[in-house]
Every structure is written in C-alpha cells, then in structure tokens.
Amino acid sequence: MSIRETSRGMRTPMRERVWAVTGGHCFYCGRNLVHDAEVRSQPAGPFMEIDHMRSRHRGGTNSPANLVPSCKACNSAKKQI
C-alpha cells in the first residue's frame, strides 16, 4: 500500500509524520485532535484533518514540510481567506 492509499483507521507514514508535527494538536488553535486510529465512539476532541500550509492551488506540494494537522474548524476558516 502506498502512502497515498489509505483506509479508514489506518495510519500511513505520511499521516504519522503530520501527526508528529504538533504532537496531536491543531497547528492553528492548539486543540487536542483525535487521530483516525483512535476509538471513534468516544472522541476526545475534533478529528484530525491534514492541511496544506500553502495550498496546492497556489503552488504548494504534498511534501511533509507543507502539511500540518488541523481541526475542521480551523481548516474550514482558512479556506475563507
């Protein structure tokens, strides 16, 4: 299975790297995030999304240096900018 291929609840090397950037906190607001592989029945916080610091539309890449963990609220708010 490649890094880009993933199934629900499976940690891939890329997701692990992004998760480690902030130790499981949203890069923008600092909230604790729930990783995909954690128990979904009793989440301790918002689920982790992967955000491109520089959007692909503006020339950003999928490299680990351009990816950060984000909560849905921050990731959505960033799209409005």
Protein backbone atom coordinates (compact mmCIF):
# COMPACT_ATOMS: atom_id res chain seq x y z
CA MET A 1 0.00 0.00 0.00
CA SER A 2 1.44 3.39 -0.94
CA ILE A 3 1.44 6.48 1.26
CA ARG A 4 -1.43 7.96 -0.74
CA GLU A 5 -3.58 4.83 -0.38
CA THR A 6 -5.26 4.63 2.99
CA SER A 7 -8.32 3.07 4.52
CA ARG A 8 -10.36 4.44 7.40
CA GLY A 9 -8.49 3.98 10.65
CA MET A 10 -5.14 3.01 9.13
CA ARG A 11 -2.10 5.11 9.96
CA THR A 12 0.12 5.71 6.98
CA PRO A 13 3.68 7.01 7.20
CA MET A 14 2.60 10.45 5.92
CA ARG A 15 -0.25 10.78 8.46
CA GLU A 16 2.17 9.73 11.21
CA ARG A 17 4.61 12.47 10.20
CA VAL A 18 1.89 15.11 10.09
CA TRP A 19 0.53 13.93 13.47
CA ALA A 20 4.02 14.25 15.00
CA VAL A 21 4.46 17.88 13.87
CA THR A 22 2.45 19.16 16.86
CA GLY A 23 2.08 16.06 18.99
CA GLY A 24 -1.60 15.67 18.19
CA HIS A 25 -2.70 19.29 18.45
CA CYS A 26 -4.20 21.59 15.83
CA PHE A 27 -1.39 23.62 14.26
CA TYR A 28 -3.54 26.78 14.36
CA CYS A 29 -5.57 26.74 17.61
CA GLY A 30 -3.80 24.08 19.69
CA ARG A 31 -6.86 21.87 20.34
CA ASN A 32 -6.23 18.19 21.03
CA LEU A 33 -7.08 16.21 17.90
CA VAL A 34 -8.33 12.66 17.58
CA HIS A 35 -6.25 10.59 15.18
CA ASP A 36 -8.03 8.29 12.73
CA ALA A 37 -6.91 5.14 14.53
CA GLU A 38 -8.24 6.22 17.93
CA VAL A 39 -11.60 5.00 19.17
CA ARG A 40 -14.31 6.95 17.35
CA SER A 41 -17.12 6.07 19.76
CA GLN A 42 -15.80 8.43 22.45
CA PRO A 43 -13.73 11.12 20.74
CA ALA A 44 -11.62 13.33 22.99
CA GLY A 45 -11.69 16.19 20.51
CA PRO A 46 -12.15 17.06 16.86
CA PHE A 47 -10.81 14.63 14.27
CA MET A 48 -7.50 15.47 12.60
CA GLU A 49 -7.54 16.82 9.07
CA ILE A 50 -4.39 17.36 7.06
CA ASP A 51 -3.98 20.92 5.86
CA HIS A 52 -1.65 22.30 3.21
CA MET A 53 0.04 25.40 4.65
CA ARG A 54 0.44 26.65 1.11
CA SER A 55 -2.50 25.43 -0.95
CA ARG A 56 -1.90 23.23 -3.96
CA HIS A 57 -3.81 25.83 -5.97
CA ARG A 58 -1.09 28.36 -5.09
CA GLY A 59 1.83 26.08 -5.85
CA GLY A 60 2.03 24.09 -2.61
CA THR A 61 3.01 20.44 -2.64
CA ASN A 62 2.15 17.29 -0.71
CA SER A 63 5.59 17.23 0.88
CA PRO A 64 5.72 16.79 4.68
CA ALA A 65 7.13 20.32 5.06
CA ASN A 66 3.87 21.74 3.64
CA LEU A 67 1.44 19.58 5.65
CA VAL A 68 0.15 20.28 9.17
CA PRO A 69 -2.53 18.75 11.41
CA SER A 70 -5.66 20.87 11.71
CA CYS A 71 -9.11 20.70 13.24
CA LYS A 72 -12.05 21.04 10.85
CA ALA A 73 -12.98 24.50 12.17
CA CYS A 74 -9.51 25.96 11.51
CA ASN A 75 -9.11 24.18 8.18
CA SER A 76 -12.51 25.47 7.02
CA ALA A 77 -11.87 29.01 8.28
CA LYS A 78 -8.57 29.08 6.42
CA LYS A 79 -10.38 28.32 3.16
CA GLN A 80 -12.34 31.57 3.56
CA ILE A 81 -9.15 33.69 3.46
